[in-house]
Protein backbone atom coordinates (compact mmCIF):
# COMPACT_ATOMS: atom_id res chain seq x y z
CA UNK A 1 0.00 0.00 0.00
CA UNK A 2 1.41 3.38 -1.02
CA UNK A 3 1.58 5.69 1.95
CA UNK A 4 2.08 9.45 2.00
CA UNK A 5 3.53 11.16 5.06
CA UNK A 6 2.89 14.64 3.69
CA UNK A 7 -0.54 14.75 5.36
CA UNK A 8 -2.14 16.36 8.40
CA UNK A 9 -4.63 13.79 9.65
CA UNK A 10 -3.47 10.56 11.33
CA UNK A 11 -6.65 9.04 9.90
CA UNK A 12 -4.87 9.22 6.53
CA UNK A 13 -1.29 8.29 7.30
CA UNK A 14 -1.74 5.97 10.27
CA UNK A 15 -5.29 4.61 10.62
CA UNK A 16 -6.55 4.47 7.05
CA UNK A 17 -8.72 1.59 5.83
CA UNK A 18 -7.86 0.87 2.22
CA UNK A 19 -11.25 -0.61 1.34
CA UNK A 20 -13.04 2.56 2.46
CA UNK A 21 -11.19 4.84 0.06
CA UNK A 22 -13.54 4.01 -2.81
CA UNK A 23 -16.43 5.36 -0.71
CA UNK A 24 -15.10 8.00 1.66
CA UNK A 25 -12.05 9.63 0.06
CA UNK A 26 -12.30 13.01 -1.64
CA UNK A 27 -11.89 11.29 -5.00
CA UNK A 28 -14.79 9.00 -4.12
CA UNK A 29 -16.92 11.99 -3.06
CA UNK A 30 -16.44 13.65 -6.44
CA UNK A 31 -17.29 10.40 -8.22
CA UNK A 32 -20.44 9.96 -6.12
CA UNK A 33 -21.55 13.50 -6.92
CA UNK A 34 -20.94 12.77 -10.59
CA UNK A 35 -23.10 9.63 -10.24
CA UNK A 36 -26.00 11.80 -9.12
CA UNK A 37 -25.52 13.98 -12.21
CA UNK A 38 -25.58 10.81 -14.35
CA UNK A 39 -28.76 9.64 -12.62
CA UNK A 40 -30.37 12.98 -13.47
CA UNK A 41 -29.40 12.47 -17.11
CA UNK A 42 -30.92 8.97 -17.05
CA UNK A 43 -34.27 10.35 -15.89
CA UNK A 44 -34.13 13.16 -18.45
CA UNK A 45 -33.68 10.44 -21.08
CA UNK A 46 -36.64 8.46 -19.72
CA UNK A 47 -38.73 11.64 -19.81
CA UNK A 48 -37.60 12.26 -23.43
CA UNK A 49 -35.92 15.52 -22.48
CA UNK A 50 -32.68 14.32 -24.04
CA UNK A 51 -31.65 11.81 -26.67
CA UNK A 52 -29.80 8.55 -26.13
CA UNK A 53 -26.74 10.17 -27.73
CA UNK A 54 -26.70 13.05 -25.25
CA UNK A 55 -27.24 10.67 -22.35
CA UNK A 56 -24.26 8.55 -23.46
CA UNK A 57 -22.10 11.67 -23.75
CA UNK A 58 -22.97 12.70 -20.20
CA UNK A 59 -22.34 9.23 -18.75
CA UNK A 60 -18.98 8.97 -20.51
CA UNK A 61 -17.99 12.42 -19.27
CA UNK A 62 -19.01 11.56 -15.69
CA UNK A 63 -16.99 8.35 -15.73
CA UNK A 64 -13.82 10.19 -16.72
CA UNK A 65 -13.95 13.09 -14.28
CA UNK A 66 -10.84 13.44 -12.08
CA UNK A 67 -10.67 15.21 -8.72
CA UNK A 68 -7.64 17.19 -9.89
CA UNK A 69 -9.54 18.92 -12.69
CA UNK A 70 -12.53 19.64 -10.45
CA UNK A 71 -10.29 21.21 -7.81
CA UNK A 72 -8.49 23.32 -10.42
CA UNK A 73 -11.82 24.59 -11.68
CA UNK A 74 -13.02 25.29 -8.14
CA UNK A 75 -9.91 27.44 -7.56
CA UNK A 76 -10.98 29.51 -10.55
CA UNK A 77 -14.70 29.95 -9.84
CA UNK A 78 -14.86 29.37 -6.04
CA UNK A 79 -17.76 26.89 -6.14
CA UNK A 80 -17.30 23.15 -5.82
CA UNK A 81 -20.48 21.86 -7.49
CA UNK A 82 -20.41 24.34 -10.33
CA UNK A 83 -16.77 23.30 -10.80
CA UNK A 84 -17.90 19.69 -11.18
CA UNK A 85 -20.64 20.74 -13.60
CA UNK A 86 -18.17 22.76 -15.68
CA UNK A 87 -15.79 19.82 -15.88
CA UNK A 88 -18.58 17.59 -17.15
CA UNK A 89 -19.67 20.27 -19.62
CA UNK A 90 -16.13 20.50 -21.02
CA UNK A 91 -16.33 16.85 -22.04
CA UNK A 92 -19.66 16.96 -23.92
CA UNK A 93 -20.98 18.51 -27.11
CA UNK A 94 -22.65 21.90 -27.36
CA UNK A 95 -25.92 20.03 -27.81
CA UNK A 96 -25.51 18.23 -24.48
CA UNK A 97 -24.23 21.13 -22.34
CA UNK A 98 -27.64 22.69 -21.48
CA UNK A 99 -28.78 19.49 -19.76
CA UNK A 100 -25.92 19.07 -17.31
CA UNK A 101 -27.24 19.77 -13.78
CA UNK A 102 -30.61 20.84 -15.20
CA UNK A 103 -33.26 21.45 -12.47
CA UNK A 104 -30.66 20.63 -9.75
CA UNK A 105 -29.35 22.69 -6.88
CA UNK A 106 -25.97 21.98 -5.33
CA UNK A 107 -27.28 20.09 -2.34
CA UNK A 108 -29.53 17.89 -4.42
CA UNK A 109 -26.16 16.55 -5.52
CA UNK A 110 -24.12 16.86 -2.30
CA UNK A 111 -26.61 15.47 0.22
CA UNK A 112 -27.60 12.62 -2.08
CA UNK A 113 -23.97 11.75 -2.81
CA UNK A 114 -23.12 11.78 0.91
CA UNK A 115 -25.86 9.40 2.00
CA UNK A 116 -25.01 7.09 -0.90
CA UNK A 117 -21.39 6.78 0.12
CA UNK A 118 -22.19 6.40 3.82
CA UNK A 119 -24.63 3.64 2.89
CA UNK A 120 -22.19 1.88 0.59
CA UNK A 121 -19.28 2.12 3.04
CA UNK A 122 -21.40 0.57 5.77
CA UNK A 123 -22.95 -2.13 3.58
CA UNK A 124 -19.75 -3.23 1.90
CA UNK A 125 -17.05 -2.74 4.55
CA UNK A 126 -18.14 -1.67 8.02
CA UNK A 127 -21.06 -4.03 8.68
CA UNK A 128 -19.13 -7.08 7.40
CA UNK A 129 -16.30 -6.11 9.78
CA UNK A 130 -18.73 -5.67 12.67
CA UNK A 131 -20.27 -9.08 11.97
CA UNK A 132 -16.84 -10.70 11.76
CA UNK A 133 -16.00 -9.34 15.22
CA UNK A 134 -19.36 -10.54 16.54
CA UNK A 135 -18.57 -14.07 15.34
CA UNK A 136 -15.19 -14.02 17.08
CA UNK A 137 -16.73 -12.86 20.35
CA UNK A 138 -19.38 -15.58 20.02
CA UNK A 139 -16.64 -18.19 19.69
CA UNK A 140 -14.81 -16.85 22.75
CA UNK A 141 -18.01 -16.79 24.78
CA UNK A 142 -18.83 -20.43 23.98
CA UNK A 143 -15.24 -21.59 24.44
CA UNK A 144 -15.10 -20.16 27.96
CA UNK A 145 -18.75 -20.51 28.99
CA UNK A 146 -17.75 -22.79 31.89
CA UNK A 147 -14.47 -21.05 32.83
CA UNK A 148 -14.78 -19.70 36.37
CA UNK A 149 -14.12 -15.98 36.85
CA UNK A 150 -14.76 -13.64 39.73
CA UNK A 151 -17.30 -10.97 38.84
CA UNK A 152 -16.35 -7.41 39.71
CA UNK A 153 -18.43 -4.39 40.67
CA UNK A 154 -16.87 -1.03 41.55
CA UNK A 155 -13.47 -2.65 40.90
CA UNK A 156 -14.06 -5.09 43.77
CA UNK A 157 -14.60 -8.84 43.79
CA UNK A 158 -18.34 -9.52 43.77
CA UNK A 159 -19.76 -12.92 42.83
CA UNK A 160 -18.59 -15.77 40.61
CA UNK A 161 -19.49 -15.82 36.94
CA UNK A 162 -17.83 -17.43 33.94
CA UNK A 163 -15.58 -15.68 31.46
CA UNK A 164 -17.91 -16.78 28.66
CA UNK A 165 -20.76 -15.00 30.42
CA UNK A 166 -18.77 -11.77 30.64
CA UNK A 167 -18.05 -11.94 26.90
CA UNK A 168 -21.72 -12.76 26.15
CA UNK A 169 -22.62 -9.30 27.42
CA UNK A 170 -20.55 -7.83 24.61
CA UNK A 171 -21.97 -10.28 22.09
CA UNK A 172 -25.38 -8.87 22.99
CA UNK A 173 -24.42 -5.20 23.07
CA UNK A 174 -22.51 -5.47 19.80
CA UNK A 175 -25.35 -7.40 18.16
CA UNK A 176 -27.78 -4.65 19.07
CA UNK A 177 -25.43 -2.04 17.60
CA UNK A 178 -25.19 -4.02 14.35
CA UNK A 179 -28.99 -3.92 14.11
CA UNK A 180 -29.07 -0.18 14.88
CA UNK A 181 -26.40 0.61 12.29
CA UNK A 182 -28.34 -1.40 9.69
CA UNK A 183 -31.57 0.40 10.53
CA UNK A 184 -29.94 3.83 10.51
CA UNK A 185 -28.24 3.10 7.19
CA UNK A 186 -31.53 2.06 5.63
CA UNK A 187 -33.20 5.26 6.83
CA UNK A 188 -30.78 7.58 5.01
CA UNK A 189 -32.67 9.70 2.49
CA UNK A 190 -31.69 11.73 -0.54
CA UNK A 191 -33.34 14.70 -2.26
CA UNK A 192 -33.91 16.28 -5.64
CA UNK A 193 -36.33 19.02 -4.76
CA UNK A 194 -34.51 22.17 -5.79
CA UNK A 195 -33.12 25.29 -4.18
CA UNK A 196 -35.66 25.60 -1.35
CA UNK A 197 -37.17 22.12 -1.47
CA UNK A 198 -40.44 23.19 -3.11
CA UNK A 199 -39.70 21.72 -6.58
CA UNK A 200 -40.00 25.21 -8.07
CA UNK A 201 -38.27 24.59 -11.42
CA UNK A 202 -39.44 20.98 -11.75
CA UNK A 203 -43.05 21.96 -11.23
CA UNK A 204 -42.93 24.17 -14.35
CA UNK A 205 -42.10 21.23 -16.59
CA UNK A 206 -43.55 18.20 -14.83
CA UNK A 207 -47.03 17.58 -13.52
CA UNK A 208 -45.67 15.41 -10.71
CA UNK A 209 -42.24 16.75 -9.69
CA UNK A 210 -42.09 14.42 -6.67
CA UNK A 211 -42.23 11.51 -9.07
CA UNK A 212 -39.28 12.98 -10.97
CA UNK A 213 -37.34 13.19 -7.70
CA UNK A 214 -38.24 9.61 -6.88
CA UNK A 215 -37.03 8.46 -10.29
CA UNK A 216 -33.65 10.20 -9.87
CA UNK A 217 -33.12 8.70 -6.43
CA UNK A 218 -34.39 5.22 -7.28
CA UNK A 219 -31.66 5.02 -9.94
CA UNK A 220 -29.27 5.39 -7.00
CA UNK A 221 -31.05 2.97 -4.69
CA UNK A 222 -32.38 5.72 -2.43
CA UNK A 223 -35.71 7.06 -1.25
CA UNK A 224 -36.48 10.78 -1.04
CA UNK A 225 -37.02 12.65 2.19
CA UNK A 226 -40.74 13.27 2.67
CA UNK A 227 -40.00 16.99 2.68
CA UNK A 228 -36.76 18.94 2.43
CA UNK A 229 -35.40 22.45 2.13
CA UNK A 230 -32.26 23.02 0.11
CA UNK A 231 -30.86 20.23 2.26
CA UNK A 232 -32.29 16.93 3.51
CA UNK A 233 -33.67 16.93 7.06
CA UNK A 234 -30.58 16.28 9.20
CA UNK A 235 -32.06 13.78 11.67
CA UNK A 236 -31.51 10.57 9.63
CA UNK A 237 -27.83 11.43 9.23
CA UNK A 238 -27.61 12.32 12.92
CA UNK A 239 -29.24 8.98 13.82
CA UNK A 240 -26.81 7.20 11.51
CA UNK A 241 -23.70 8.69 13.10
CA UNK A 242 -25.20 8.25 16.55
CA UNK A 243 -25.41 4.51 15.82
CA UNK A 244 -21.73 4.52 14.82
CA UNK A 245 -20.62 6.44 17.91
CA UNK A 246 -22.58 4.23 20.32
CA UNK A 247 -21.08 1.20 18.60
CA UNK A 248 -17.66 2.75 19.15
CA UNK A 249 -18.57 3.09 22.84
CA UNK A 250 -19.20 -0.67 23.10
CA UNK A 251 -15.83 -1.29 21.45
CA UNK A 252 -14.08 1.08 23.87
CA UNK A 253 -15.80 -0.51 26.88
CA UNK A 254 -14.64 -3.99 25.83
CA UNK A 255 -11.12 -2.67 25.28
CA UNK A 256 -11.14 -1.05 28.71
CA UNK A 257 -12.37 -4.22 30.44
CA UNK A 258 -9.73 -6.37 28.77
CA UNK A 259 -7.02 -3.80 29.46
CA UNK A 260 -7.79 -3.94 33.19
CA UNK A 261 -7.86 -7.74 33.15
CA UNK A 262 -4.34 -7.62 31.66
CA UNK A 263 -2.96 -5.74 34.69
CA UNK A 264 0.05 -7.51 36.20
CA UNK A 265 -1.74 -8.19 39.48
CA UNK A 266 -4.79 -9.62 37.66
CA UNK A 267 -3.36 -11.30 34.57
CA UNK A 268 -6.54 -12.99 33.38
CA UNK A 269 -6.28 -12.04 29.71
CA UNK A 270 -3.63 -10.60 27.46
CA UNK A 271 -2.95 -9.34 23.98
CA UNK A 272 -0.82 -11.67 21.90
CA UNK A 273 2.75 -10.36 21.82
CA UNK A 274 4.85 -10.86 18.71
CA UNK A 275 8.38 -12.23 18.99
CA UNK A 276 10.10 -9.00 17.94
CA UNK A 277 7.55 -6.62 19.46
CA UNK A 278 8.89 -4.00 21.87
CA UNK A 279 6.78 -3.15 24.90
CA UNK A 280 8.79 -0.24 26.26
CA UNK A 281 11.71 1.88 25.10
CA UNK A 282 13.39 1.47 28.48
CA UNK A 283 11.84 -1.61 30.15
CA UNK A 284 12.46 -4.70 28.01
CA UNK A 285 10.17 -6.85 30.17
CA UNK A 286 7.03 -4.85 29.39
CA UNK A 287 4.11 -6.32 27.43
CA UNK A 288 1.70 -3.43 27.32
CA UNK A 289 -1.96 -3.66 26.18
CA UNK A 290 -1.21 -1.18 23.42
CA UNK A 291 -4.03 -2.19 21.09
CA UNK A 292 -6.73 -2.09 23.74
CA UNK A 293 -5.42 1.31 24.77
CA UNK A 294 -5.29 2.49 21.16
CA UNK A 295 -8.97 1.68 20.69
CA UNK A 296 -9.99 3.62 23.78
CA UNK A 297 -7.78 6.51 22.71
CA UNK A 298 -9.35 6.57 19.25
CA UNK A 299 -12.81 6.53 20.81
CA UNK A 300 -11.85 9.56 22.92
CA UNK A 301 -10.76 11.41 19.79
CA UNK A 302 -13.88 10.54 17.78
CA UNK A 303 -16.65 10.65 20.40
CA UNK A 304 -16.83 14.48 20.64
CA UNK A 305 -17.45 14.71 16.90
CA UNK A 306 -21.03 13.60 17.45
CA UNK A 307 -21.61 17.07 18.92
CA UNK A 308 -20.87 18.56 15.51
CA UNK A 309 -23.41 16.19 13.98
CA UNK A 310 -26.01 17.35 16.47
CA UNK A 311 -25.15 21.01 15.87
CA UNK A 312 -25.63 20.45 12.14
CA UNK A 313 -29.33 19.96 12.89
CA UNK A 314 -29.58 23.74 12.95
CA UNK A 315 -29.80 25.52 9.61
CA UNK A 316 -31.53 28.87 9.16
CA UNK A 317 -34.76 28.89 7.17
CA UNK A 318 -34.31 26.94 3.93
CA UNK A 319 -30.53 26.72 4.20
CA UNK A 320 -27.34 28.28 5.46
CA UNK A 321 -23.74 27.18 5.00
CA UNK A 322 -22.95 26.32 8.61
CA UNK A 323 -22.92 22.58 7.91
CA UNK A 324 -20.87 22.80 4.71
CA UNK A 325 -17.40 22.65 6.24
CA UNK A 326 -18.29 20.54 9.29
CA UNK A 327 -19.87 17.69 7.31
CA UNK A 328 -16.67 17.21 5.32
CA UNK A 329 -15.11 15.68 8.44
CA UNK A 330 -17.83 13.03 8.88
CA UNK A 331 -16.13 10.33 6.79
CA UNK A 332 -13.26 10.39 9.31
CA UNK A 333 -15.68 9.07 11.93
CA UNK A 334 -16.42 6.03 9.79
CA UNK A 335 -12.78 5.37 8.93
CA UNK A 336 -11.61 5.72 12.53
CA UNK A 337 -14.39 3.44 13.74
CA UNK A 338 -13.71 0.72 11.19
CA UNK A 339 -9.97 0.97 11.79
CA UNK A 340 -10.66 0.23 15.47
CA UNK A 341 -13.07 -2.59 14.64
CA UNK A 342 -10.35 -4.21 12.56
CA UNK A 343 -7.82 -3.72 15.33
CA UNK A 344 -10.22 -5.38 17.77
CA UNK A 345 -10.68 -8.29 15.35
CA UNK A 346 -6.90 -8.82 15.30
CA UNK A 347 -6.64 -8.75 19.10
CA UNK A 348 -9.71 -10.91 19.72
CA UNK A 349 -8.61 -13.59 17.27
CA UNK A 350 -5.46 -14.11 19.35
CA UNK A 351 -6.79 -13.19 22.79
CA UNK A 352 -4.84 -15.03 25.48
CA UNK A 353 -7.00 -16.26 28.37
CA UNK A 354 -5.37 -17.48 31.59
CA UNK A 355 -7.94 -19.74 33.28
CA UNK A 356 -5.48 -20.59 36.09
CA UNK A 357 -5.11 -16.94 37.03
CA UNK A 358 -8.89 -16.55 36.92
CA UNK A 359 -9.20 -19.39 39.42
CA UNK A 360 -6.40 -17.96 41.57
CA UNK A 361 -8.11 -14.55 41.67
CA UNK A 362 -11.39 -16.22 42.53
CA UNK A 363 -9.77 -18.00 45.48
CA UNK A 364 -8.59 -14.67 46.90
CA UNK A 365 -12.20 -13.93 47.83
CA UNK A 366 -13.55 -17.45 48.05
CA UNK A 367 -14.07 -17.24 51.80
CA UNK A 368 -16.22 -14.10 51.48
CA UNK A 369 -18.20 -14.95 48.34
CA UNK A 370 -20.73 -17.07 50.19
CA UNK A 371 -21.95 -14.03 52.15
CA UNK A 372 -24.85 -13.35 49.77
CA UNK A 373 -26.23 -16.92 49.47
CA UNK A 374 -25.66 -17.46 53.19
CA UNK A 375 -27.66 -14.40 54.20
CA UNK A 376 -30.46 -15.35 51.78
CA UNK A 377 -30.58 -18.96 53.05
CA UNK A 378 -30.74 -17.71 56.65
CA UNK A 379 -33.40 -15.13 55.83
CA UNK A 380 -35.57 -17.72 54.07
CA UNK A 381 -35.05 -20.02 57.07
CA UNK A 382 -36.57 -17.35 59.31
CA UNK A 383 -33.58 -15.44 60.71
CA UNK A 384 -34.91 -11.99 61.68
CA UNK A 385 -31.77 -10.01 60.74
CA UNK A 386 -29.78 -12.26 58.43
CA UNK A 387 -27.99 -9.53 56.49
CA UNK A 388 -26.60 -7.82 59.60
CA UNK A 389 -25.63 -11.16 61.12
CA UNK A 390 -23.66 -12.22 58.03
CA UNK A 391 -22.07 -8.78 57.68
CA UNK A 392 -20.74 -9.06 61.23
CA UNK A 393 -19.42 -12.57 60.57
CA UNK A 394 -17.63 -11.36 57.43
CA UNK A 395 -15.84 -8.73 59.50
CA UNK A 396 -14.91 -11.40 62.03
CA UNK A 397 -13.61 -13.84 59.44
CA UNK A 398 -11.49 -11.11 57.87
CA UNK A 399 -9.98 -10.19 61.26
CA UNK A 400 -9.29 -13.80 62.24
CA UNK A 401 -8.41 -15.05 58.74
CA UNK A 402 -10.92 -17.85 59.07
CA UNK A 403 -13.44 -19.34 56.68
CA UNK A 404 -16.83 -17.66 56.84
CA UNK A 405 -18.47 -21.04 56.37
CA UNK A 406 -16.67 -22.54 59.38
CA UNK A 407 -17.39 -19.56 61.60
CA UNK A 408 -21.10 -19.77 60.88
CA UNK A 409 -21.24 -23.56 61.17
CA UNK A 410 -19.63 -23.30 64.61
CA UNK A 411 -22.11 -20.66 65.82
CA UNK A 412 -24.77 -22.37 67.92
CA UNK A 413 -27.01 -19.28 67.80
CA UNK A 414 -27.85 -19.87 64.13
CA UNK A 415 -27.97 -23.67 64.24
CA UNK A 416 -31.82 -23.77 64.10
CA UNK A 417 -31.70 -21.82 60.85
CA UNK A 418 -28.75 -23.72 59.42
CA UNK A 419 -30.59 -26.97 59.98
CA UNK A 420 -33.31 -25.76 57.61
CA UNK A 421 -30.84 -25.28 54.74
CA UNK A 422 -30.92 -28.25 52.38
CA UNK A 423 -27.85 -30.16 51.17
CA UNK A 424 -27.78 -28.57 47.72
CA UNK A 425 -27.67 -25.13 49.30
CA UNK A 426 -25.02 -26.20 51.81
CA UNK A 427 -22.90 -27.47 48.92
CA UNK A 428 -22.87 -23.93 47.50
CA UNK A 429 -21.65 -22.66 50.89
CA UNK A 430 -18.93 -25.32 50.97
CA UNK A 431 -17.95 -24.85 47.36
CA UNK A 432 -18.63 -21.26 46.19
CA UNK A 433 -17.28 -22.01 42.70
CA UNK A 434 -20.69 -23.57 42.08
CA UNK A 435 -22.37 -20.24 42.80
CA UNK A 436 -22.25 -18.98 39.21
CA UNK A 437 -26.00 -18.78 38.67
CA UNK A 438 -26.87 -19.58 35.06
CA UNK A 439 -23.70 -17.98 33.64
CA UNK A 440 -22.91 -20.88 31.32
CA UNK A 441 -26.47 -21.32 30.07
CA UNK A 442 -26.92 -17.59 29.63
CA UNK A 443 -23.76 -17.34 27.53
CA UNK A 444 -25.07 -20.07 25.23
CA UNK A 445 -28.51 -18.50 25.10
CA UNK A 446 -27.19 -15.07 24.13
CA UNK A 447 -24.86 -16.43 21.48
CA UNK A 448 -27.66 -18.50 19.94
CA UNK A 449 -30.03 -15.55 20.10
CA UNK A 450 -27.68 -13.36 18.06
CA UNK A 451 -26.74 -16.11 15.66
CA UNK A 452 -30.43 -16.33 14.82
CA UNK A 453 -31.10 -12.58 14.73
CA UNK A 454 -28.11 -11.85 12.52
CA UNK A 455 -28.37 -15.09 10.53
CA UNK A 456 -24.71 -15.90 11.10
């Protein structure tokens, strides 16, 4: 892959996704805008406004447009869409020139081109990557559905679960984001309704100008907004990018969880470390969770950009230019997100799981873990203040370094209640590793649920 270092954005020189260039690069943007102009010509042909010959001229001209010539023309006339139109006009006959961009306003072209490329980038690259990651997490969840792990709340040991169960949470959250991204992508709308959205020029020549708009957009696989101004209503685009940003949040949360589990004193998971990889410039022993940290860092850089998307909801009357510059940065959100999805795929495929350390960490709190089931068993057996009783015993067992189970079993004051606890319940008190609820079954259930919903 050819790489240029004479750039400003790290999205370009460090985090680029090659497959997205055909949809989200500036060259792609110009080509998508030219596609809208070609679609207009196709409908003019169908409506017998132009001949087959003129249509072919326009299509050939559109297919050969280069970004360099459009930018040179824009420097001259200071208008990007008219620059594109002029470049197309230069390539056609005098007979064809009047029909280039006929009835169109700039944002009939720009807004329609943008939603097309967002849609195509998601359909052809981003969603397949999201689904690939979902499959990997499903495999991890099932592989470790019975692997004991201590659950953590507020950074403290809580109750036993399984590692597969903890991953199943992300299978579910990510699956829901895939659905939301699909829905938001399908709700993107285009427009061909003119300078203020009222079909002024079209209505002079066509009895049903909305039908003309529909024809132009259907050639591009889009539906029109129900009503527009010079621009499409901004909410579908805002919803679309919201779905991307919330998906990025799930990715960052997973990265953060795994990063903490890689801490030296925890050591339950780890990124694969290549033979020649350097962890630190000064500490040769280091194996840092650099990829997990990179994903969270990228999320921090991209998350605030959703505020710009929300601010682009505001446009005075039928149009102002306050979204013109800001929306040019939106493709970077998609590239950064997909770059991080791909990074997560690489990490997850080689995720190292240390089941022995998980068991060792569980045993650190094994003597305290039975506090919840114990208090519930005592309460159900009739103890009037079971929670306070068990809380006091936990404090005692911590002071005396004794087993909570033994302390309670030796306490004659609770013997009448203990005698009411059945053997299955006592086995949980003796062996807290069995107190994992339905972690294993739930992991399987969630994975199967999303396999069915996503048909994967």
